[in-house]
Structure formats: structure tokens, C-alpha cells
Amino acid sequence: MRNLVAGPARYTILMTRKLVLLSLLMAGFAFGQNRIFELRTYTCNEGKLEALKTRFRDHTIEIFKRHGMESIGYWIPQDPEKSKTTLIYIISHASREQATKNWREFGADPEWKKVAAESEVNGKILAKPPESVYMDAADFSQIK
């Protein structure tokens, strides 16, 4: 059966597809150019790592999303000394300035305040403030 769409309609469909593809490519390029990464290390009080993991799994990641913070990955060290007390993760922000804004808004989020308070009813989870390192992807990085 021959192509049923001909003439101006076919041209419009073709151009629309090209425009959508071009828009996606440009958006991806723009996002990749400005994105910064943040490596965070949390050290928990003894016996509190599961509470922290539950808080992230059930609440924090979704709240991050609402505040423009993209989760890249979460890790538990294999080192026996750290495996019971440490969570390491990487998130990304649109820019360093946006990261400052994201964290400010995250900290003021009513749901976050409620979740944080409820998760620490039986004692503080973190032994010390989180360590944070902001990073730019190297030009040869697989992730940008």
C-alpha cells in the first residue's frame, strides 16, 4: 500500500519530527553544559544507617526532585568500618547558584521538615554534618 499522506501534510509531519528532534538535542546540550554534580557523604550514628536509607528511599529522593535536584546514584562503602555508618551519593543541579537555591528551598520544605523530625524521634541519625564536594564533569567523562 502506498503512503496515504502526501503533499503539504507529509511535509508538515516531516518538519515537525525534525523540529522535535532538534529541540531535544538542544535541550540535552544546554542541560549538559550547565549541570554540576555534588558528591555528598553522610556519616551516621551507630545503628542509624537503615533509618537514613529508609528516609531517602521513602521520602528524600522525591523531595529532591521537587526542588530541581537529580539523583545520579547512591552507594554504601564496602569497607567494613564504613559499611555500617556511611551513605555516599551524587546529585546534580543546573548550576552552582541553583544548588544553593535548591538546598535552601529543600531545607524549608514543610514535608522535609516533617520527615526529618519523624525519622529522628529515636535519636539523631547523622553523627556529623554531611560532607559535600561540587564537581564539574571532565571533558572525557561518560556523564555530563
N, C-alpha and C. Protein backbone atom coordinates (compact mmCIF):
# COMPACT_ATOMS: atom_id res chain seq x y z
N MET A 1 0.85 -1.18 0.00
CA MET A 1 0.00 0.00 0.00
C MET A 1 0.90 1.24 0.00
N ARG A 2 0.57 2.20 -0.76
CA ARG A 2 1.37 3.42 -0.89
C ARG A 2 1.11 4.35 0.28
N ASN A 3 2.04 5.28 0.50
CA ASN A 3 1.92 6.28 1.55
C ASN A 3 0.66 7.11 1.33
N LEU A 4 -0.23 7.11 2.33
CA LEU A 4 -1.50 7.80 2.20
C LEU A 4 -1.39 9.30 2.47
N VAL A 5 -0.29 9.72 3.11
CA VAL A 5 -0.10 11.13 3.42
C VAL A 5 0.78 11.72 2.32
N ALA A 6 0.30 12.75 1.66
CA ALA A 6 1.06 13.33 0.55
C ALA A 6 1.06 14.84 0.63
N GLY A 7 1.92 15.44 -0.15
CA GLY A 7 1.94 16.89 -0.32
C GLY A 7 2.26 17.65 0.96
N PRO A 8 1.54 18.75 1.19
CA PRO A 8 1.81 19.61 2.34
C PRO A 8 1.70 18.90 3.68
N ALA A 9 0.77 17.96 3.82
CA ALA A 9 0.62 17.24 5.09
C ALA A 9 1.87 16.43 5.39
N ARG A 10 2.41 15.76 4.40
CA ARG A 10 3.62 14.95 4.59
C ARG A 10 4.80 15.86 4.96
N TYR A 11 4.93 16.97 4.28
CA TYR A 11 6.00 17.93 4.58
C TYR A 11 5.87 18.43 6.02
N THR A 12 4.67 18.75 6.45
CA THR A 12 4.44 19.24 7.82
C THR A 12 4.85 18.18 8.84
N ILE A 13 4.48 16.94 8.62
CA ILE A 13 4.85 15.86 9.54
C ILE A 13 6.37 15.71 9.60
N LEU A 14 7.02 15.72 8.44
CA LEU A 14 8.48 15.59 8.38
C LEU A 14 9.16 16.74 9.12
N MET A 15 8.74 17.95 8.88
CA MET A 15 9.34 19.12 9.53
C MET A 15 9.08 19.12 11.03
N THR A 16 7.90 18.68 11.44
CA THR A 16 7.58 18.60 12.87
C THR A 16 8.51 17.61 13.56
N ARG A 17 8.73 16.47 12.94
CA ARG A 17 9.65 15.47 13.51
C ARG A 17 11.06 16.05 13.63
N LYS A 18 11.51 16.74 12.62
CA LYS A 18 12.86 17.34 12.66
C LYS A 18 12.95 18.41 13.75
N LEU A 19 11.91 19.21 13.88
CA LEU A 19 11.90 20.25 14.91
C LEU A 19 11.93 19.64 16.30
N VAL A 20 11.17 18.60 16.53
CA VAL A 20 11.17 17.92 17.83
C VAL A 20 12.55 17.35 18.13
N LEU A 21 13.15 16.68 17.18
CA LEU A 21 14.49 16.12 17.36
C LEU A 21 15.50 17.22 17.66
N LEU A 22 15.47 18.29 16.91
CA LEU A 22 16.38 19.41 17.13
C LEU A 22 16.18 20.01 18.52
N SER A 23 14.94 20.16 18.94
CA SER A 23 14.64 20.71 20.27
C SER A 23 15.20 19.81 21.37
N LEU A 24 15.03 18.51 21.22
CA LEU A 24 15.56 17.57 22.22
C LEU A 24 17.09 17.63 22.27
N LEU A 25 17.71 17.68 21.12
CA LEU A 25 19.17 17.76 21.09
C LEU A 25 19.67 19.04 21.75
N MET A 26 19.02 20.16 21.44
CA MET A 26 19.43 21.44 22.02
C MET A 26 19.21 21.45 23.53
N ALA A 27 18.10 20.91 23.98
CA ALA A 27 17.82 20.86 25.42
C ALA A 27 18.86 20.00 26.13
N GLY A 28 19.20 18.87 25.54
CA GLY A 28 20.21 18.00 26.13
C GLY A 28 21.57 18.67 26.19
N PHE A 29 21.92 19.38 25.13
CA PHE A 29 23.20 20.09 25.10
C PHE A 29 23.23 21.19 26.15
N ALA A 30 22.17 21.95 26.24
CA ALA A 30 22.11 23.05 27.21
C ALA A 30 22.17 22.50 28.63
N PHE A 31 21.44 21.41 28.89
CA PHE A 31 21.43 20.83 30.23
C PHE A 31 22.82 20.33 30.59
N GLY A 32 23.47 19.65 29.66
CA GLY A 32 24.79 19.10 29.90
C GLY A 32 25.84 20.17 30.11
N GLN A 33 25.69 21.31 29.48
CA GLN A 33 26.67 22.38 29.59
C GLN A 33 26.68 23.03 30.97
N ASN A 34 25.53 23.12 31.60
CA ASN A 34 25.43 23.86 32.84
C ASN A 34 25.40 22.99 34.09
N ARG A 35 25.15 21.73 33.94
CA ARG A 35 24.92 20.86 35.09
C ARG A 35 26.19 20.70 35.91
N ILE A 36 26.04 20.78 37.21
CA ILE A 36 27.14 20.50 38.13
C ILE A 36 26.72 19.32 39.00
N PHE A 37 27.69 18.63 39.51
CA PHE A 37 27.44 17.46 40.34
C PHE A 37 27.88 17.75 41.77
N GLU A 38 27.17 17.12 42.69
CA GLU A 38 27.50 17.27 44.10
C GLU A 38 27.65 15.89 44.70
N LEU A 39 28.83 15.62 45.24
CA LEU A 39 29.13 14.37 45.93
C LEU A 39 28.92 14.63 47.41
N ARG A 40 28.05 13.84 48.02
CA ARG A 40 27.75 14.03 49.45
C ARG A 40 28.03 12.74 50.20
N THR A 41 28.64 12.89 51.36
CA THR A 41 28.94 11.75 52.23
C THR A 41 28.28 11.99 53.58
N TYR A 42 27.44 11.04 53.98
CA TYR A 42 26.76 11.11 55.27
C TYR A 42 27.36 10.05 56.19
N THR A 43 27.72 10.46 57.39
CA THR A 43 28.20 9.53 58.41
C THR A 43 27.16 9.48 59.52
N CYS A 44 26.62 8.28 59.73
CA CYS A 44 25.53 8.09 60.69
C CYS A 44 26.05 7.70 62.06
N ASN A 45 25.24 7.96 63.05
CA ASN A 45 25.48 7.39 64.36
C ASN A 45 25.31 5.88 64.25
N GLU A 46 25.98 5.15 65.12
CA GLU A 46 25.92 3.69 65.10
C GLU A 46 24.47 3.21 65.12
N GLY A 47 24.14 2.29 64.23
CA GLY A 47 22.81 1.71 64.17
C GLY A 47 21.76 2.56 63.46
N LYS A 48 22.15 3.68 62.84
CA LYS A 48 21.17 4.58 62.22
C LYS A 48 21.19 4.57 60.69
N LEU A 49 22.07 3.78 60.08
CA LEU A 49 22.16 3.78 58.62
C LEU A 49 20.85 3.31 57.98
N GLU A 50 20.22 2.29 58.52
CA GLU A 50 18.96 1.81 57.94
C GLU A 50 17.88 2.89 58.00
N ALA A 51 17.85 3.66 59.08
CA ALA A 51 16.87 4.76 59.18
C ALA A 51 17.14 5.81 58.10
N LEU A 52 18.42 6.09 57.85
CA LEU A 52 18.78 7.06 56.81
C LEU A 52 18.39 6.53 55.43
N LYS A 53 18.71 5.28 55.16
CA LYS A 53 18.36 4.69 53.87
C LYS A 53 16.84 4.69 53.66
N THR A 54 16.09 4.38 54.69
CA THR A 54 14.63 4.40 54.61
C THR A 54 14.13 5.81 54.32
N ARG A 55 14.71 6.79 54.98
CA ARG A 55 14.30 8.19 54.76
C ARG A 55 14.55 8.59 53.30
N PHE A 56 15.71 8.23 52.76
CA PHE A 56 15.99 8.54 51.35
C PHE A 56 15.04 7.79 50.44
N ARG A 57 14.91 6.49 50.65
CA ARG A 57 14.11 5.63 49.77
C ARG A 57 12.65 6.08 49.74
N ASP A 58 12.11 6.40 50.91
CA ASP A 58 10.67 6.68 51.02
C ASP A 58 10.29 8.14 50.86
N HIS A 59 11.24 9.07 51.03
CA HIS A 59 10.86 10.48 51.04
C HIS A 59 11.84 11.42 50.33
N THR A 60 13.10 11.38 50.76
CA THR A 60 14.06 12.41 50.36
C THR A 60 14.24 12.54 48.85
N ILE A 61 14.35 11.42 48.16
CA ILE A 61 14.59 11.47 46.71
C ILE A 61 13.45 12.20 46.00
N GLU A 62 12.22 11.93 46.40
CA GLU A 62 11.07 12.62 45.79
C GLU A 62 11.09 14.12 46.11
N ILE A 63 11.46 14.45 47.32
CA ILE A 63 11.54 15.87 47.69
C ILE A 63 12.67 16.54 46.90
N PHE A 64 13.79 15.84 46.73
CA PHE A 64 14.87 16.37 45.89
C PHE A 64 14.34 16.74 44.51
N LYS A 65 13.60 15.82 43.90
CA LYS A 65 13.06 16.06 42.55
C LYS A 65 12.25 17.34 42.48
N ARG A 66 11.42 17.56 43.50
CA ARG A 66 10.59 18.77 43.51
C ARG A 66 11.42 20.04 43.57
N HIS A 67 12.64 19.92 44.07
CA HIS A 67 13.50 21.10 44.22
C HIS A 67 14.64 21.13 43.20
N GLY A 68 14.45 20.43 42.07
CA GLY A 68 15.42 20.51 40.97
C GLY A 68 16.71 19.76 41.19
N MET A 69 16.71 18.80 42.08
CA MET A 69 17.91 18.02 42.37
C MET A 69 17.74 16.63 41.77
N GLU A 70 18.61 16.28 40.81
CA GLU A 70 18.50 14.98 40.15
C GLU A 70 19.42 13.97 40.82
N SER A 71 18.87 12.87 41.27
CA SER A 71 19.66 11.80 41.87
C SER A 71 20.40 11.04 40.78
N ILE A 72 21.72 10.94 40.93
CA ILE A 72 22.55 10.20 39.99
C ILE A 72 22.78 8.79 40.51
N GLY A 73 23.11 8.65 41.79
CA GLY A 73 23.33 7.33 42.38
C GLY A 73 23.61 7.41 43.86
N TYR A 74 23.43 6.27 44.52
CA TYR A 74 23.61 6.14 45.97
C TYR A 74 24.46 4.90 46.23
N TRP A 75 25.39 5.00 47.18
CA TRP A 75 26.31 3.91 47.45
C TRP A 75 26.56 3.74 48.95
N ILE A 76 26.85 2.48 49.32
CA ILE A 76 27.31 2.12 50.66
C ILE A 76 28.73 1.58 50.48
N PRO A 77 29.71 2.10 51.20
CA PRO A 77 31.09 1.61 51.04
C PRO A 77 31.20 0.12 51.40
N GLN A 78 32.15 -0.56 50.76
CA GLN A 78 32.41 -1.96 51.08
C GLN A 78 33.31 -2.10 52.30
N ASP A 79 34.09 -1.08 52.60
CA ASP A 79 34.99 -1.10 53.75
C ASP A 79 34.18 -1.42 55.01
N PRO A 80 34.54 -2.50 55.72
CA PRO A 80 33.76 -2.91 56.90
C PRO A 80 33.58 -1.80 57.95
N GLU A 81 34.59 -0.94 58.10
CA GLU A 81 34.49 0.14 59.08
C GLU A 81 33.43 1.17 58.70
N LYS A 82 33.23 1.38 57.41
CA LYS A 82 32.30 2.41 56.94
C LYS A 82 30.95 1.86 56.49
N SER A 83 30.88 0.57 56.22
CA SER A 83 29.67 0.00 55.63
C SER A 83 28.45 0.05 56.54
N LYS A 84 28.65 0.26 57.81
CA LYS A 84 27.53 0.31 58.76
C LYS A 84 27.10 1.73 59.12
N THR A 85 27.89 2.73 58.64
CA THR A 85 27.60 4.10 59.05
C THR A 85 27.63 5.13 57.93
N THR A 86 27.91 4.72 56.69
CA THR A 86 28.16 5.71 55.64
C THR A 86 27.26 5.53 54.43
N LEU A 87 26.70 6.63 53.96
CA LEU A 87 25.95 6.69 52.71
C LEU A 87 26.62 7.77 51.86
N ILE A 88 26.93 7.41 50.62
CA ILE A 88 27.53 8.34 49.68
C ILE A 88 26.59 8.46 48.49
N TYR A 89 26.37 9.69 48.03
CA TYR A 89 25.52 9.84 46.85
C TYR A 89 25.96 11.03 46.02
N ILE A 90 25.50 11.02 44.77
CA ILE A 90 25.76 12.13 43.85
C ILE A 90 24.42 12.61 43.33
N ILE A 91 24.24 13.91 43.37
CA ILE A 91 23.08 14.56 42.76
C ILE A 91 23.60 15.61 41.80
N SER A 92 22.73 16.09 40.94
CA SER A 92 23.13 17.18 40.05
C SER A 92 22.16 18.34 40.17
N HIS A 93 22.69 19.49 39.85
CA HIS A 93 21.94 20.75 39.86
C HIS A 93 22.20 21.44 38.53
N ALA A 94 21.35 22.36 38.17
CA ALA A 94 21.52 23.11 36.92
C ALA A 94 22.78 23.97 36.95
N SER A 95 23.16 24.48 38.13
CA SER A 95 24.34 25.32 38.28
C SER A 95 24.69 25.38 39.76
N ARG A 96 25.83 25.97 40.07
CA ARG A 96 26.22 26.12 41.48
C ARG A 96 25.26 27.06 42.21
N GLU A 97 24.86 28.13 41.52
CA GLU A 97 23.91 29.07 42.12
C GLU A 97 22.56 28.38 42.38
N GLN A 98 22.17 27.55 41.42
CA GLN A 98 20.91 26.81 41.58
C GLN A 98 21.02 25.82 42.73
N ALA A 99 22.18 25.24 42.93
CA ALA A 99 22.37 24.30 44.04
C ALA A 99 22.11 25.00 45.38
N THR A 100 22.63 26.21 45.52
CA THR A 100 22.41 26.97 46.74
C THR A 100 20.92 27.21 46.96
N LYS A 101 20.24 27.60 45.90
CA LYS A 101 18.79 27.82 45.97
C LYS A 101 18.05 26.52 46.26
N ASN A 102 18.45 25.43 45.58
CA ASN A 102 17.80 24.14 45.79
C ASN A 102 17.89 23.70 47.25
N TRP A 103 19.08 23.80 47.84
CA TRP A 103 19.26 23.37 49.23
C TRP A 103 18.47 24.27 50.19
N ARG A 104 18.45 25.57 49.91
CA ARG A 104 17.69 26.49 50.77
C ARG A 104 16.20 26.12 50.75
N GLU A 105 15.67 25.89 49.55
CA GLU A 105 14.26 25.54 49.43
C GLU A 105 13.97 24.15 49.99
N PHE A 106 14.88 23.23 49.79
CA PHE A 106 14.73 21.89 50.34
C PHE A 106 14.65 21.95 51.87
N GLY A 107 15.57 22.70 52.48
CA GLY A 107 15.60 22.81 53.93
C GLY A 107 14.35 23.46 54.51
N ALA A 108 13.69 24.30 53.73
CA ALA A 108 12.48 24.99 54.19
C ALA A 108 11.20 24.22 53.83
N ASP A 109 11.32 23.14 53.08
CA ASP A 109 10.16 22.38 52.63
C ASP A 109 9.42 21.78 53.83
N PRO A 110 8.12 22.05 53.98
CA PRO A 110 7.37 21.54 55.13
C PRO A 110 7.37 20.00 55.20
N GLU A 111 7.27 19.35 54.05
CA GLU A 111 7.29 17.88 54.08
C GLU A 111 8.64 17.37 54.57
N TRP A 112 9.74 18.00 54.10
CA TRP A 112 11.07 17.59 54.54
C TRP A 112 11.22 17.78 56.04
N LYS A 113 10.77 18.91 56.56
CA LYS A 113 10.87 19.16 58.00
C LYS A 113 10.14 18.08 58.79
N LYS A 114 8.96 17.71 58.32
CA LYS A 114 8.16 16.67 58.99
C LYS A 114 8.87 15.32 58.92
N VAL A 115 9.34 14.95 57.74
CA VAL A 115 10.03 13.67 57.55
C VAL A 115 11.29 13.61 58.41
N ALA A 116 12.07 14.67 58.41
CA ALA A 116 13.31 14.70 59.19
C ALA A 116 13.01 14.54 60.67
N ALA A 117 12.03 15.25 61.16
CA ALA A 117 11.67 15.16 62.59
C ALA A 117 11.18 13.76 62.94
N GLU A 118 10.31 13.20 62.11
CA GLU A 118 9.78 11.87 62.39
C GLU A 118 10.87 10.80 62.35
N SER A 119 11.83 10.95 61.45
CA SER A 119 12.88 9.93 61.33
C SER A 119 13.89 10.00 62.48
N GLU A 120 13.87 11.09 63.23
CA GLU A 120 14.82 11.23 64.33
C GLU A 120 14.15 11.18 65.70
N VAL A 121 12.95 10.63 65.75
CA VAL A 121 12.23 10.51 67.03
C VAL A 121 13.04 9.68 68.02
N ASN A 122 13.74 8.66 67.52
CA ASN A 122 14.53 7.78 68.39
C ASN A 122 16.01 8.16 68.43
N GLY A 123 16.32 9.40 68.10
CA GLY A 123 17.70 9.87 68.16
C GLY A 123 18.19 10.39 66.82
N LYS A 124 19.19 11.25 66.89
CA LYS A 124 19.77 11.85 65.69
C LYS A 124 20.37 10.77 64.80
N ILE A 125 20.16 10.91 63.50
CA ILE A 125 20.69 9.95 62.54
C ILE A 125 22.15 10.24 62.22
N LEU A 126 22.47 11.49 61.93
CA LEU A 126 23.82 11.84 61.50
C LEU A 126 24.74 12.14 62.68
N ALA A 127 25.97 11.61 62.58
CA ALA A 127 26.98 11.84 63.61
C ALA A 127 27.65 13.19 63.43
N LYS A 128 27.63 13.70 62.20
CA LYS A 128 28.25 14.99 61.89
C LYS A 128 27.57 15.54 60.65
N PRO A 129 27.78 16.82 60.35
CA PRO A 129 27.17 17.38 59.13
C PRO A 129 27.68 16.66 57.89
N PRO A 130 26.86 16.58 56.85
CA PRO A 130 27.29 15.93 55.61
C PRO A 130 28.49 16.65 55.00
N GLU A 131 29.37 15.86 54.37
CA GLU A 131 30.47 16.43 53.61
C GLU A 131 30.00 16.58 52.17
N SER A 132 30.33 17.71 51.55
CA SER A 132 29.85 18.00 50.21
C SER A 132 30.99 18.50 49.34
N VAL A 133 31.06 17.97 48.11
CA VAL A 133 32.04 18.41 47.12
C VAL A 133 31.28 18.68 45.83
N TYR A 134 31.42 19.89 45.29
CA TYR A 134 30.82 20.23 44.00
C TYR A 134 31.84 19.92 42.91
N MET A 135 31.33 19.36 41.79
CA MET A 135 32.22 18.89 40.75
C MET A 135 31.68 19.25 39.37
N ASP A 136 32.60 19.52 38.44
CA ASP A 136 32.27 19.66 37.02
C ASP A 136 32.73 18.37 36.35
N ALA A 137 31.96 17.91 35.37
CA ALA A 137 32.37 16.72 34.61
C ALA A 137 33.58 17.08 33.75
N ALA A 138 34.55 16.19 33.72
CA ALA A 138 35.70 16.36 32.84
C ALA A 138 35.26 16.21 31.39
N ASP A 139 36.01 16.80 30.48
CA ASP A 139 35.60 16.76 29.07
C ASP A 139 35.53 15.34 28.52
N PHE A 140 36.19 14.38 29.14
CA PHE A 140 36.17 12.99 28.68
C PHE A 140 35.24 12.11 29.50
N SER A 141 34.48 12.72 30.41
CA SER A 141 33.58 11.96 31.28
C SER A 141 32.44 11.34 30.48
N GLN A 142 32.02 10.16 30.89
CA GLN A 142 30.87 9.49 30.27
C GLN A 142 29.56 10.21 30.62
N ILE A 143 29.57 10.92 31.73
CA ILE A 143 28.36 11.63 32.16
C ILE A 143 28.67 13.12 32.18
N LYS A 144 27.75 13.89 31.68
CA LYS A 144 27.94 15.35 31.62
C LYS A 144 26.76 16.04 32.26
